[in-house]
Amino acid sequence: MKQRHGVPPTLAGCHTALVEGYVIEGHVPADVIERLLRERPQIVGLAVPGMPVGSPGMEVPGRPAVPYDVIAFEANGKTRVFATR
C-alpha cells in the first residue's frame, strides 16, 4: 500500500491511511489532518516517520513527549515540514 500510494521509503511508518485523497503515514495528529483538509495543499500526503514518544498512540506515562515533525511529501519526492509537535 505504501508503494502504491507514493510513500517515500524514508518516511514509512507503521500505519497507512487514505483520507479524502491524501495519504496519512504514521502517527499524524488529528488536528494536523484537519488542517490538511482545510488547506488542501497540492501534496500526496503527510507522514510521521518512526514512532516518536508523545505522538498519538505513543504516549508513555511519566515520559515527556519528544519534539517531532510532520512531513508533507509530493509525488516528485520533494518533502517539507508541514507541522512541528
C-alpha atoms as a PDB file:
ATOM      1  CA  MET A   1       0.000   0.000   0.000  1.00  0.00           C
ATOM      2  CA  LYS A   2       2.830   2.398   0.848  1.00  0.00           C
ATOM      3  CA  GLN A   3       4.489   1.947  -2.550  1.00  0.00           C
ATOM      4  CA  ARG A   4       1.199   2.065  -4.452  1.00  0.00           C
ATOM      5  CA  HIS A   5       0.332   5.413  -2.881  1.00  0.00           C
ATOM      6  CA  GLY A   6       3.777   7.008  -3.190  1.00  0.00           C
ATOM      7  CA  VAL A   7       5.053   6.989   0.378  1.00  0.00           C
ATOM      8  CA  PRO A   8       8.829   7.561   0.221  1.00  0.00           C
ATOM      9  CA  PRO A   9      10.680   4.714   1.997  1.00  0.00           C
ATOM     10  CA  THR A  10      12.409   7.221   4.298  1.00  0.00           C
ATOM     11  CA  LEU A  11       9.007   8.377   5.579  1.00  0.00           C
ATOM     12  CA  ALA A  12       7.445   4.968   6.059  1.00  0.00           C
ATOM     13  CA  GLY A  13       5.688   4.481   9.365  1.00  0.00           C
ATOM     14  CA  CYS A  14       3.686   1.748  10.976  1.00  0.00           C
ATOM     15  CA  HIS A  15       0.237   2.789   9.710  1.00  0.00           C
ATOM     16  CA  THR A  16      -1.042   3.984   6.332  1.00  0.00           C
ATOM     17  CA  ALA A  17      -4.437   5.552   5.726  1.00  0.00           C
ATOM     18  CA  LEU A  18      -6.188   7.341   2.891  1.00  0.00           C
ATOM     19  CA  VAL A  19      -8.199  10.405   3.888  1.00  0.00           C
ATOM     20  CA  GLU A  20     -10.074  12.357   1.219  1.00  0.00           C
ATOM     21  CA  GLY A  21      -7.415  11.655  -1.398  1.00  0.00           C
ATOM     22  CA  TYR A  22      -4.389  12.191   0.865  1.00  0.00           C
ATOM     23  CA  VAL A  23      -2.044   9.556   2.264  1.00  0.00           C
ATOM     24  CA  ILE A  24      -1.550   9.691   6.031  1.00  0.00           C
ATOM     25  CA  GLU A  25       1.518   7.747   7.132  1.00  0.00           C
ATOM     26  CA  GLY A  26       2.355   7.006  10.740  1.00  0.00           C
ATOM     27  CA  HIS A  27       1.184   8.784  13.880  1.00  0.00           C
ATOM     28  CA  VAL A  28      -0.050  12.078  12.373  1.00  0.00           C
ATOM     29  CA  PRO A  29      -2.068  14.098  14.925  1.00  0.00           C
ATOM     30  CA  ALA A  30      -5.762  14.613  14.158  1.00  0.00           C
ATOM     31  CA  ASP A  31      -5.527  18.417  14.294  1.00  0.00           C
ATOM     32  CA  VAL A  32      -2.803  18.332  11.624  1.00  0.00           C
ATOM     33  CA  ILE A  33      -5.029  16.161   9.412  1.00  0.00           C
ATOM     34  CA  GLU A  34      -7.855  18.668   9.955  1.00  0.00           C
ATOM     35  CA  ARG A  35      -5.517  21.488   8.867  1.00  0.00           C
ATOM     36  CA  LEU A  36      -4.546  19.449   5.775  1.00  0.00           C
ATOM     37  CA  LEU A  37      -8.212  19.047   4.832  1.00  0.00           C
ATOM     38  CA  ARG A  38      -8.909  22.769   5.335  1.00  0.00           C
ATOM     39  CA  GLU A  39      -5.900  23.978   3.358  1.00  0.00           C
ATOM     40  CA  ARG A  40      -5.906  21.282   0.627  1.00  0.00           C
ATOM     41  CA  PRO A  41      -2.245  21.720  -0.438  1.00  0.00           C
ATOM     42  CA  GLN A  42      -1.014  20.093  -3.643  1.00  0.00           C
ATOM     43  CA  ILE A  43       0.791  17.201  -1.925  1.00  0.00           C
ATOM     44  CA  VAL A  44       0.438  13.432  -1.830  1.00  0.00           C
ATOM     45  CA  GLY A  45       0.227  13.274   1.939  1.00  0.00           C
ATOM     46  CA  LEU A  46       1.658  13.639   5.413  1.00  0.00           C
ATOM     47  CA  ALA A  47       3.990  11.393   7.368  1.00  0.00           C
ATOM     48  CA  VAL A  48       5.443  10.986  10.823  1.00  0.00           C
ATOM     49  CA  PRO A  49       8.302   8.516  10.372  1.00  0.00           C
ATOM     50  CA  GLY A  50       9.015   6.163  13.238  1.00  0.00           C
ATOM     51  CA  MET A  51       7.005   6.171  16.423  1.00  0.00           C
ATOM     52  CA  PRO A  52       8.008   9.291  18.396  1.00  0.00           C
ATOM     53  CA  VAL A  53       7.126   9.259  22.077  1.00  0.00           C
ATOM     54  CA  GLY A  54       4.186  11.584  22.622  1.00  0.00           C
ATOM     55  CA  SER A  55       2.719  11.253  19.139  1.00  0.00           C
ATOM     56  CA  PRO A  56      -0.888   9.993  19.026  1.00  0.00           C
ATOM     57  CA  GLY A  57      -0.994   6.486  20.431  1.00  0.00           C
ATOM     58  CA  MET A  58       2.621   6.651  21.562  1.00  0.00           C
ATOM     59  CA  GLU A  59       2.145   8.469  24.859  1.00  0.00           C
ATOM     60  CA  VAL A  60       4.196   6.951  27.688  1.00  0.00           C
ATOM     61  CA  PRO A  61       3.188   7.755  31.277  1.00  0.00           C
ATOM     62  CA  GLY A  62       5.997   9.519  33.081  1.00  0.00           C
ATOM     63  CA  ARG A  63       7.918  10.294  29.881  1.00  0.00           C
ATOM     64  CA  PRO A  64       7.741  13.681  28.206  1.00  0.00           C
ATOM     65  CA  ALA A  65       6.864  13.902  24.532  1.00  0.00           C
ATOM     66  CA  VAL A  66       9.814  14.320  22.190  1.00  0.00           C
ATOM     67  CA  PRO A  67       9.615  17.008  19.505  1.00  0.00           C
ATOM     68  CA  TYR A  68       8.878  15.655  16.032  1.00  0.00           C
ATOM     69  CA  ASP A  69       7.985  16.929  12.578  1.00  0.00           C
ATOM     70  CA  VAL A  70       5.011  16.074  10.398  1.00  0.00           C
ATOM     71  CA  ILE A  71       6.401  15.894   6.877  1.00  0.00           C
ATOM     72  CA  ALA A  72       4.463  16.770   3.706  1.00  0.00           C
ATOM     73  CA  PHE A  73       5.520  14.808   0.641  1.00  0.00           C
ATOM     74  CA  GLU A  74       4.882  15.330  -3.052  1.00  0.00           C
ATOM     75  CA  ALA A  75       4.688  12.928  -5.988  1.00  0.00           C
ATOM     76  CA  ASN A  76       8.086  14.144  -7.258  1.00  0.00           C
ATOM     77  CA  GLY A  77       9.755  13.193  -3.969  1.00  0.00           C
ATOM     78  CA  LYS A  78      10.005  16.690  -2.519  1.00  0.00           C
ATOM     79  CA  THR A  79       9.375  16.962   1.197  1.00  0.00           C
ATOM     80  CA  ARG A  80       8.894  19.812   3.657  1.00  0.00           C
ATOM     81  CA  VAL A  81       7.921  20.245   7.274  1.00  0.00           C
ATOM     82  CA  PHE A  82       4.151  20.759   7.474  1.00  0.00           C
ATOM     83  CA  ALA A  83       3.916  20.961  11.273  1.00  0.00           C
ATOM     84  CA  THR A  84       6.126  20.521  14.323  1.00  0.00           C
ATOM     85  CA  ARG A  85       4.971  18.997  17.600  1.00  0.00           C
END
